[in-house]
Amino acid sequence: MDSADSRDGEVPLVVDNLQPAQTLESTVNAAGDLGTISLGILYVSFSVFSLVASLVVRALGSKNALVLGTTGYWLFIAANLKPSWYTMVPGSLYLGFVASVIWVGAGTYLTFIARSHARGFNFYEGTVIGKFNGEFWGVYNANQVVGNLISLALLGDGEDGSTRGTILLFTVFLCSMTLGTTLICFLHQNDNRKEKGPADSSAISLSKSVIAPLLDKRMLLIIHLFAYTGLQTAFVWADFTKEIVKPALGQSGVGGAMAVLGAFDVICSVVAGRLTSGLKSITFILCGGLLVQAVVFLWLLLTYSITGGVLGIIYPLLTAGLLGVGDAVLHTQLSTLLALLFNHDTEGSFAHMRVRQSAAIAVIFFLSPHISFQTMVLIMLAGICVSLLTFLFLALKVEKAFSRIVNANISAT
């Protein structure tokens, strides 16, 4: 790869430093469930606009799309400086649109530079894509560590149960977002359009790329897994922080617990990426991550209780770490799986993943205020069971055909 490829491949790592802010929404803006409902609106918007995000990215080019995307993150963080229904709801709607543009573009571009690198150095494509995804998600999740440590340092618990330091915290986040937006403006413009023919740039062709995956049984079999990744992400933001971390560690401890989750996310993303070599490795790694999260949810449902002393601190942090392990595995392996199985329609497949993930996140945010924590955990366990069964069925059905394709590619090189 040339230097331009490398720079553009790292762009999304700069863009989304909103994650620590999202983990705090359900507790910082708890009045009237403003934070939780705002996130629900954000992900409904994300779901709808993900269907057309590839059109926007192709029309604007990767750099301009990323610059556009940062404006939504900036406005959402700014809305938290004066949170109300009049600031948070419009900010959430707009952020859902620009976030869909960023993430569809990021997944497509990361796959593009990984394939270019594999071809340039005669490496096996599956290994390179897995490694690139592991490093991407590892660096991306580092924002959870840094951002949540900042929140841990700046937030405090007021005597009346309120949270002190929110204005300062979101001002720091806003300054960080401003710096990131400024840096993106200096990036080199680079697209993968040069690899696509004239027909690929038409709206009709791109629309077909969104519809076509729905006719592919492989996509239908992993839709449940897409949805589950959204469920577990929303569970952490909307329920885990509010029902497990805050009662045990206080509001100021939420940042520390999420920093632990982020640290495990970083380490396991890099490790999982380097262990990925093909469908078999993806199957073992992904199943392992799902089983880790299943054990966590069973523990929360059957035996966990808030205790005092050292164990009262260790339990939420340990739970956060194990959830981070599962989160890292799911994101790295799913992105790699899509790149390998749908190499002729990368944009459409990533768009469908984002639609299902964001829709599931929105559902949890809207359900969270109205159902018990135990019910939410049961939903997580049901999601794991369905996702695991359909994914294993997919792996068994396509492994032979996939192996033939891999062997043909290896022979050709």
Protein backbone atom coordinates (compact mmCIF):
# COMPACT_ATOMS: atom_id res chain seq x y z
CA MET A 1 0.00 0.00 0.00
CA ASP A 2 1.09 3.56 -0.54
CA SER A 3 0.97 6.18 2.14
CA ALA A 4 -2.33 7.52 0.94
CA ASP A 5 -3.94 4.13 1.41
CA SER A 6 -2.66 3.92 4.93
CA ARG A 7 -3.91 7.34 5.90
CA ASP A 8 -7.42 6.84 4.55
CA GLY A 9 -7.61 3.39 6.09
CA GLU A 10 -7.15 4.95 9.52
CA VAL A 11 -9.72 7.73 9.12
CA PRO A 12 -12.63 6.05 10.96
CA LEU A 13 -10.44 5.68 14.04
CA VAL A 14 -10.48 9.45 14.40
CA VAL A 15 -14.14 9.93 13.68
CA ASP A 16 -16.05 8.11 16.38
CA ASN A 17 -14.93 9.31 19.80
CA LEU A 18 -18.60 9.51 20.81
CA GLN A 19 -18.70 6.05 22.38
CA PRO A 20 -17.81 7.17 25.94
CA ALA A 21 -20.54 9.81 25.68
CA GLN A 22 -23.08 7.16 24.62
CA THR A 23 -22.27 4.90 27.56
CA LEU A 24 -23.12 7.77 29.90
CA GLU A 25 -26.40 8.85 28.28
CA SER A 26 -28.73 6.57 30.26
CA THR A 27 -27.32 7.81 33.57
CA VAL A 28 -26.27 11.44 32.94
CA ASN A 29 -29.53 12.34 31.15
CA ALA A 30 -31.77 10.07 33.18
CA ALA A 31 -34.60 12.59 33.78
CA GLY A 32 -37.58 11.50 31.74
CA ASP A 33 -35.34 8.82 30.17
CA LEU A 34 -34.08 11.57 27.85
CA GLY A 35 -30.68 9.92 27.33
CA THR A 36 -32.05 6.45 26.60
CA ILE A 37 -34.80 7.69 24.28
CA SER A 38 -32.35 9.97 22.45
CA LEU A 39 -30.11 7.00 21.75
CA GLY A 40 -33.13 5.03 20.57
CA ILE A 41 -34.00 7.81 18.12
CA LEU A 42 -30.36 7.96 17.00
CA TYR A 43 -30.33 4.28 16.09
CA VAL A 44 -33.72 4.35 14.37
CA SER A 45 -32.30 7.11 12.19
CA PHE A 46 -29.12 5.06 11.74
CA SER A 47 -31.17 2.05 10.59
CA VAL A 48 -33.17 3.97 8.01
CA PHE A 49 -30.28 5.93 6.52
CA SER A 50 -27.94 2.92 6.38
CA LEU A 51 -29.97 1.76 3.38
CA VAL A 52 -28.84 4.78 1.35
CA ALA A 53 -25.47 5.47 3.00
CA SER A 54 -23.49 3.82 0.20
CA LEU A 55 -25.09 6.25 -2.27
CA VAL A 56 -23.94 9.21 -0.22
CA VAL A 57 -20.40 7.89 0.19
CA ARG A 58 -20.10 7.19 -3.52
CA ALA A 59 -21.48 10.63 -4.45
CA LEU A 60 -19.28 12.62 -2.06
CA GLY A 61 -16.11 10.53 -2.00
CA SER A 62 -14.61 9.05 1.16
CA LYS A 63 -12.93 12.20 2.51
CA ASN A 64 -15.93 14.50 2.04
CA ALA A 65 -18.26 11.86 3.50
CA LEU A 66 -16.09 11.60 6.60
CA VAL A 67 -15.98 15.37 7.03
CA LEU A 68 -19.78 15.46 6.73
CA GLY A 69 -20.00 12.68 9.28
CA THR A 70 -18.01 14.52 11.93
CA THR A 71 -20.54 17.37 11.94
CA GLY A 72 -23.19 15.05 13.38
CA TYR A 73 -20.92 13.82 16.15
CA TRP A 74 -19.97 17.40 16.97
CA LEU A 75 -23.62 18.54 17.18
CA PHE A 76 -24.67 15.59 19.34
CA ILE A 77 -21.93 16.24 21.87
CA ALA A 78 -22.78 19.96 21.84
CA ALA A 79 -26.44 19.11 22.54
CA ASN A 80 -25.34 17.41 25.76
CA LEU A 81 -24.08 20.76 27.06
CA LYS A 82 -27.72 21.85 27.30
CA PRO A 83 -29.72 18.63 27.15
CA SER A 84 -33.42 18.93 26.40
CA TRP A 85 -35.93 17.39 24.02
CA TYR A 86 -35.35 20.36 21.67
CA THR A 87 -31.60 19.76 21.41
CA MET A 88 -31.13 16.02 21.89
CA VAL A 89 -33.82 14.75 19.50
CA PRO A 90 -32.72 16.77 16.41
CA GLY A 91 -29.09 16.01 17.26
CA SER A 92 -29.87 12.29 17.45
CA LEU A 93 -31.73 12.27 14.14
CA TYR A 94 -28.91 14.01 12.30
CA LEU A 95 -26.22 11.89 13.91
CA GLY A 96 -28.02 8.73 12.83
CA PHE A 97 -27.77 9.88 9.22
CA VAL A 98 -24.09 10.84 9.22
CA ALA A 99 -23.05 7.84 11.35
CA SER A 100 -24.52 5.50 8.74
CA VAL A 101 -22.42 7.25 6.09
CA ILE A 102 -19.24 6.86 8.12
CA TRP A 103 -19.66 3.22 9.08
CA VAL A 104 -20.71 1.83 5.72
CA GLY A 105 -17.82 3.69 4.16
CA ALA A 106 -15.40 2.56 6.84
CA GLY A 107 -16.21 -1.14 6.45
CA THR A 108 -16.01 -0.96 2.67
CA TYR A 109 -12.77 0.99 2.63
CA LEU A 110 -11.07 -1.19 5.22
CA THR A 111 -11.85 -4.24 3.09
CA PHE A 112 -10.57 -2.45 -0.02
CA ILE A 113 -7.18 -1.57 1.45
CA ALA A 114 -6.81 -5.03 2.98
CA ARG A 115 -7.35 -6.68 -0.42
CA SER A 116 -4.98 -4.21 -2.06
CA HIS A 117 -2.34 -5.04 0.52
CA ALA A 118 -2.86 -8.79 0.05
CA ARG A 119 -2.54 -8.51 -3.72
CA GLY A 120 0.50 -6.25 -3.53
CA PHE A 121 2.45 -8.62 -1.29
CA ASN A 122 0.94 -11.95 -2.44
CA PHE A 123 -0.55 -12.66 1.00
CA TYR A 124 -3.61 -14.80 1.62
CA GLU A 125 -6.59 -12.44 1.57
CA GLY A 126 -8.45 -13.93 4.55
CA THR A 127 -5.46 -13.53 6.87
CA VAL A 128 -4.85 -9.91 5.84
CA ILE A 129 -8.52 -8.93 6.17
CA GLY A 130 -8.68 -10.50 9.62
CA LYS A 131 -5.50 -8.75 10.74
CA PHE A 132 -6.64 -5.37 9.41
CA ASN A 133 -10.03 -5.69 11.10
CA GLY A 134 -8.41 -6.70 14.37
CA GLU A 135 -6.09 -3.70 14.34
CA PHE A 136 -8.88 -1.34 13.27
CA TRP A 137 -11.24 -2.42 16.05
CA GLY A 138 -8.40 -2.49 18.55
CA VAL A 139 -7.45 1.12 17.92
CA TYR A 140 -11.09 2.17 17.60
CA ASN A 141 -11.94 0.65 20.99
CA ALA A 142 -9.01 2.48 22.57
CA ASN A 143 -11.31 5.51 22.58
CA GLN A 144 -13.36 3.73 25.23
CA VAL A 145 -10.32 3.50 27.48
CA VAL A 146 -9.20 7.11 27.02
CA GLY A 147 -12.68 8.65 26.94
CA ASN A 148 -13.98 6.77 29.95
CA LEU A 149 -10.87 7.47 32.00
CA ILE A 150 -11.49 11.15 31.28
CA SER A 151 -15.07 10.77 32.47
CA LEU A 152 -13.85 8.92 35.57
CA ALA A 153 -11.52 11.82 36.35
CA LEU A 154 -14.04 14.61 35.70
CA LEU A 155 -17.38 13.24 36.91
CA GLY A 156 -18.39 13.11 40.53
CA ASP A 157 -21.45 12.15 42.56
CA GLY A 158 -23.40 15.04 44.05
CA GLU A 159 -24.89 14.90 47.52
CA ASP A 160 -28.42 14.89 46.10
CA GLY A 161 -27.69 11.95 43.80
CA SER A 162 -26.96 14.13 40.79
CA THR A 163 -23.76 14.06 38.75
CA ARG A 164 -21.14 16.81 38.96
CA GLY A 165 -18.80 17.76 36.14
CA THR A 166 -20.97 16.89 33.11
CA ILE A 167 -20.52 20.32 31.48
CA LEU A 168 -16.74 20.10 31.77
CA LEU A 169 -16.74 16.51 30.50
CA PHE A 170 -18.76 17.24 27.37
CA THR A 171 -16.70 20.38 26.74
CA VAL A 172 -13.56 18.21 26.68
CA PHE A 173 -15.29 15.75 24.33
CA LEU A 174 -16.34 18.65 22.10
CA CYS A 175 -12.78 19.97 21.91
CA SER A 176 -11.56 16.48 21.00
CA MET A 177 -14.20 16.18 18.29
CA THR A 178 -13.25 19.60 16.91
CA LEU A 179 -9.61 18.53 16.69
CA GLY A 180 -10.57 15.30 14.91
CA THR A 181 -12.75 17.14 12.40
CA THR A 182 -9.93 19.59 11.66
CA LEU A 183 -7.42 16.81 11.06
CA ILE A 184 -9.77 14.96 8.70
CA CYS A 185 -9.97 18.07 6.51
CA PHE A 186 -6.26 17.60 5.72
CA LEU A 187 -6.56 13.95 4.68
CA HIS A 188 -5.73 12.83 1.16
CA GLN A 189 -8.78 12.16 -1.02
CA ASN A 190 -8.75 8.51 -2.01
CA ASP A 191 -11.62 6.27 -3.14
CA ASN A 192 -12.05 2.74 -4.36
CA ARG A 193 -14.11 4.02 -7.28
CA LYS A 194 -11.21 3.51 -9.65
CA GLU A 195 -11.65 -0.26 -9.26
CA LYS A 196 -15.32 -0.14 -10.24
CA GLY A 197 -16.76 0.19 -13.69
CA PRO A 198 -19.12 2.92 -14.87
CA ALA A 199 -22.22 0.89 -14.01
CA ASP A 200 -21.12 0.66 -10.39
CA SER A 201 -21.54 4.39 -9.91
CA SER A 202 -25.22 4.46 -10.87
CA ALA A 203 -27.96 4.73 -8.28
CA ILE A 204 -29.75 1.73 -9.78
CA SER A 205 -26.69 -0.48 -9.40
CA LEU A 206 -26.16 0.58 -5.81
CA SER A 207 -29.84 0.07 -5.00
CA LYS A 208 -29.58 -3.47 -6.33
CA SER A 209 -26.56 -4.04 -4.12
CA VAL A 210 -28.76 -3.28 -1.10
CA ILE A 211 -31.55 -5.64 -2.20
CA ALA A 212 -29.46 -8.49 -3.59
CA PRO A 213 -28.02 -9.71 -0.25
CA LEU A 214 -31.56 -10.35 1.01
CA LEU A 215 -31.88 -13.03 -1.68
CA ASP A 216 -28.69 -14.75 -0.50
CA LYS A 217 -29.28 -17.49 2.06
CA ARG A 218 -25.89 -16.77 3.63
CA MET A 219 -27.01 -13.25 4.49
CA LEU A 220 -30.32 -14.51 5.87
CA LEU A 221 -28.48 -16.92 8.16
CA ILE A 222 -26.27 -14.25 9.73
CA ILE A 223 -28.89 -11.52 10.08
CA HIS A 224 -29.62 -12.82 13.60
CA LEU A 225 -25.96 -12.40 14.47
CA PHE A 226 -26.00 -8.81 13.20
CA ALA A 227 -29.01 -8.12 15.40
CA TYR A 228 -27.39 -9.71 18.44
CA THR A 229 -24.30 -7.50 18.17
CA GLY A 230 -26.66 -4.54 18.36
CA LEU A 231 -28.51 -6.04 21.32
CA GLN A 232 -25.36 -6.59 23.35
CA THR A 233 -24.03 -3.12 22.56
CA ALA A 234 -27.27 -1.47 23.68
CA PHE A 235 -27.39 -3.67 26.77
CA VAL A 236 -24.04 -2.32 27.89
CA TRP A 237 -25.00 1.30 27.29
CA ALA A 238 -28.60 1.24 28.53
CA ASP A 239 -28.79 -1.49 31.20
CA PHE A 240 -25.38 -2.66 32.36
CA THR A 241 -24.17 0.84 33.29
CA LYS A 242 -27.47 1.73 34.98
CA GLU A 243 -28.34 -1.53 36.76
CA ILE A 244 -24.94 -3.06 37.57
CA VAL A 245 -22.18 -0.44 37.50
CA LYS A 246 -23.89 2.64 38.92
CA PRO A 247 -25.41 0.92 42.01
CA ALA A 248 -22.06 -0.69 42.84
CA LEU A 249 -19.57 2.05 41.90
CA GLY A 250 -21.65 5.21 41.60
CA GLN A 251 -22.03 7.44 38.55
CA SER A 252 -18.36 8.42 38.68
CA GLY A 253 -17.43 4.72 38.47
CA VAL A 254 -19.22 4.18 35.15
CA GLY A 255 -16.26 5.63 33.27
CA GLY A 256 -13.84 3.30 35.04
CA ALA A 257 -15.90 0.19 34.29
CA MET A 258 -16.27 1.17 30.64
CA ALA A 259 -12.52 1.81 30.46
CA VAL A 260 -11.96 -1.79 31.62
CA LEU A 261 -14.41 -3.01 28.98
CA GLY A 262 -12.54 -0.95 26.39
CA ALA A 263 -9.15 -2.31 27.44
CA PHE A 264 -10.34 -5.91 27.02
CA ASP A 265 -11.93 -4.89 23.74
CA VAL A 266 -8.62 -3.50 22.45
CA ILE A 267 -6.52 -6.51 23.42
CA CYS A 268 -8.99 -9.14 22.21
CA SER A 269 -9.67 -7.32 18.92
CA VAL A 270 -5.99 -7.42 17.99
CA VAL A 271 -5.56 -11.04 19.15
CA ALA A 272 -8.73 -12.25 17.40
CA GLY A 273 -7.71 -10.47 14.21
CA ARG A 274 -4.29 -12.12 14.17
CA LEU A 275 -5.79 -15.56 14.79
CA THR A 276 -8.19 -15.25 11.86
CA SER A 277 -7.27 -17.18 8.72
CA GLY A 278 -10.56 -18.34 7.22
CA LEU A 279 -14.05 -19.63 7.91
CA LYS A 280 -12.95 -22.34 10.35
CA SER A 281 -11.01 -19.92 12.54
CA ILE A 282 -13.88 -17.41 12.41
CA THR A 283 -16.29 -20.14 13.52
CA PHE A 284 -14.22 -21.15 16.55
CA ILE A 285 -13.38 -17.60 17.61
CA LEU A 286 -16.91 -16.27 17.18
CA CYS A 287 -18.51 -19.20 19.03
CA GLY A 288 -16.02 -18.70 21.86
CA GLY A 289 -16.99 -15.03 22.18
CA LEU A 290 -20.69 -15.85 22.24
CA LEU A 291 -20.20 -18.49 24.92
CA VAL A 292 -18.24 -16.05 27.10
CA GLN A 293 -21.13 -13.60 26.96
CA ALA A 294 -23.65 -16.38 27.61
CA VAL A 295 -21.81 -17.28 30.82
CA VAL A 296 -21.86 -13.62 31.89
CA PHE A 297 -25.59 -13.28 31.30
CA LEU A 298 -26.36 -16.53 33.15
CA TRP A 299 -24.32 -15.28 36.09
CA LEU A 300 -26.14 -11.92 36.12
CA LEU A 301 -29.49 -13.69 35.93
CA LEU A 302 -28.96 -16.47 38.47
CA THR A 303 -26.35 -15.53 41.06
CA TYR A 304 -25.18 -11.93 40.83
CA SER A 305 -26.04 -9.49 43.61
CA ILE A 306 -24.60 -6.15 44.65
CA THR A 307 -22.16 -6.58 47.53
CA GLY A 308 -19.89 -4.31 49.50
CA GLY A 309 -16.15 -4.30 49.98
CA VAL A 310 -13.56 -5.36 47.44
CA LEU A 311 -15.85 -7.88 45.73
CA GLY A 312 -18.40 -5.14 45.17
CA ILE A 313 -15.78 -3.36 43.05
CA ILE A 314 -14.30 -6.43 41.35
CA TYR A 315 -17.57 -7.98 40.16
CA PRO A 316 -18.75 -5.08 37.91
CA LEU A 317 -15.22 -4.60 36.53
CA LEU A 318 -14.80 -8.33 35.81
CA THR A 319 -18.22 -8.43 34.14
CA ALA A 320 -17.30 -5.41 32.01
CA GLY A 321 -14.06 -7.09 30.95
CA LEU A 322 -15.79 -10.31 29.89
CA LEU A 323 -18.41 -8.37 27.95
CA GLY A 324 -15.54 -6.60 26.22
CA VAL A 325 -14.06 -9.95 25.18
CA GLY A 326 -17.31 -10.94 23.47
CA ASP A 327 -17.76 -7.52 21.88
CA ALA A 328 -14.25 -7.59 20.38
CA VAL A 329 -14.72 -11.06 18.93
CA LEU A 330 -18.11 -10.26 17.41
CA HIS A 331 -17.01 -7.10 15.64
CA THR A 332 -13.70 -8.34 14.27
CA GLN A 333 -15.04 -11.69 13.09
CA LEU A 334 -18.27 -10.38 11.58
CA SER A 335 -16.47 -7.72 9.56
CA THR A 336 -14.00 -10.31 8.30
CA LEU A 337 -16.76 -12.80 7.53
CA LEU A 338 -18.64 -10.26 5.41
CA ALA A 339 -15.51 -9.34 3.50
CA LEU A 340 -14.82 -13.00 2.68
CA LEU A 341 -18.34 -14.18 1.87
CA PHE A 342 -19.57 -11.11 -0.01
CA ASN A 343 -16.45 -9.92 -1.79
CA HIS A 344 -18.48 -8.89 -4.87
CA ASP A 345 -20.93 -6.75 -2.89
CA THR A 346 -19.05 -5.35 0.08
CA GLU A 347 -21.02 -2.10 0.35
CA GLY A 348 -24.40 -3.84 0.31
CA SER A 349 -23.38 -6.40 2.92
CA PHE A 350 -21.96 -3.82 5.33
CA ALA A 351 -25.07 -1.67 4.85
CA HIS A 352 -27.27 -4.62 5.84
CA MET A 353 -25.13 -5.33 8.90
CA ARG A 354 -25.46 -1.73 10.06
CA VAL A 355 -29.22 -1.71 9.45
CA ARG A 356 -29.75 -4.78 11.65
CA GLN A 357 -27.32 -3.68 14.34
CA SER A 358 -28.73 -0.19 14.66
CA ALA A 359 -32.34 -1.41 14.55
CA ALA A 360 -31.62 -3.84 17.40
CA ILE A 361 -29.91 -1.09 19.40
CA ALA A 362 -32.93 1.19 18.91
CA VAL A 363 -35.31 -1.54 20.08
CA ILE A 364 -33.38 -2.05 23.31
CA PHE A 365 -33.21 1.67 24.06
CA PHE A 366 -36.97 1.99 23.64
CA LEU A 367 -37.71 -1.20 25.59
CA SER A 368 -35.28 -0.57 28.42
CA PRO A 369 -37.43 1.86 30.45
CA HIS A 370 -40.42 -0.49 30.32
CA ILE A 371 -39.04 -3.95 31.13
CA SER A 372 -37.08 -5.37 34.04
CA PHE A 373 -33.37 -6.04 34.04
CA GLN A 374 -34.00 -9.79 34.34
CA THR A 375 -36.20 -9.71 31.24
CA MET A 376 -33.48 -7.87 29.35
CA VAL A 377 -30.92 -10.52 30.30
CA LEU A 378 -33.28 -13.24 29.09
CA ILE A 379 -33.56 -11.43 25.76
CA MET A 380 -29.76 -11.42 25.52
CA LEU A 381 -29.59 -15.16 26.19
CA ALA A 382 -32.29 -15.88 23.62
CA GLY A 383 -30.39 -13.75 21.10
CA ILE A 384 -27.21 -15.74 21.70
CA CYS A 385 -28.99 -19.08 21.23
CA VAL A 386 -30.67 -18.09 17.96
CA SER A 387 -27.54 -16.42 16.59
CA LEU A 388 -25.29 -19.33 17.47
CA LEU A 389 -27.57 -21.93 15.89
CA THR A 390 -28.05 -20.02 12.63
CA PHE A 391 -24.36 -19.19 12.35
CA LEU A 392 -23.30 -22.80 12.90
CA PHE A 393 -25.79 -23.89 10.25
CA LEU A 394 -24.26 -21.33 7.87
CA ALA A 395 -20.73 -22.54 8.63
CA LEU A 396 -21.66 -26.16 7.97
CA LYS A 397 -23.44 -25.36 4.71
CA VAL A 398 -20.83 -23.11 3.11
CA GLU A 399 -17.57 -24.51 4.47
CA LYS A 400 -17.02 -26.94 1.61
CA ALA A 401 -17.79 -24.38 -1.08
CA PHE A 402 -15.72 -21.75 0.70
CA SER A 403 -12.77 -24.14 1.03
CA ARG A 404 -12.84 -24.78 -2.72
CA ILE A 405 -12.68 -21.03 -3.39
CA VAL A 406 -9.78 -20.58 -0.95
CA ASN A 407 -7.83 -23.45 -2.49
CA ALA A 408 -8.35 -22.02 -5.96
CA ASN A 409 -7.09 -18.61 -4.82
CA ILE A 410 -4.02 -20.14 -3.18
CA SER A 411 -3.24 -22.16 -6.30
CA ALA A 412 -3.57 -19.05 -8.46
CA THR A 413 -1.02 -17.17 -6.36
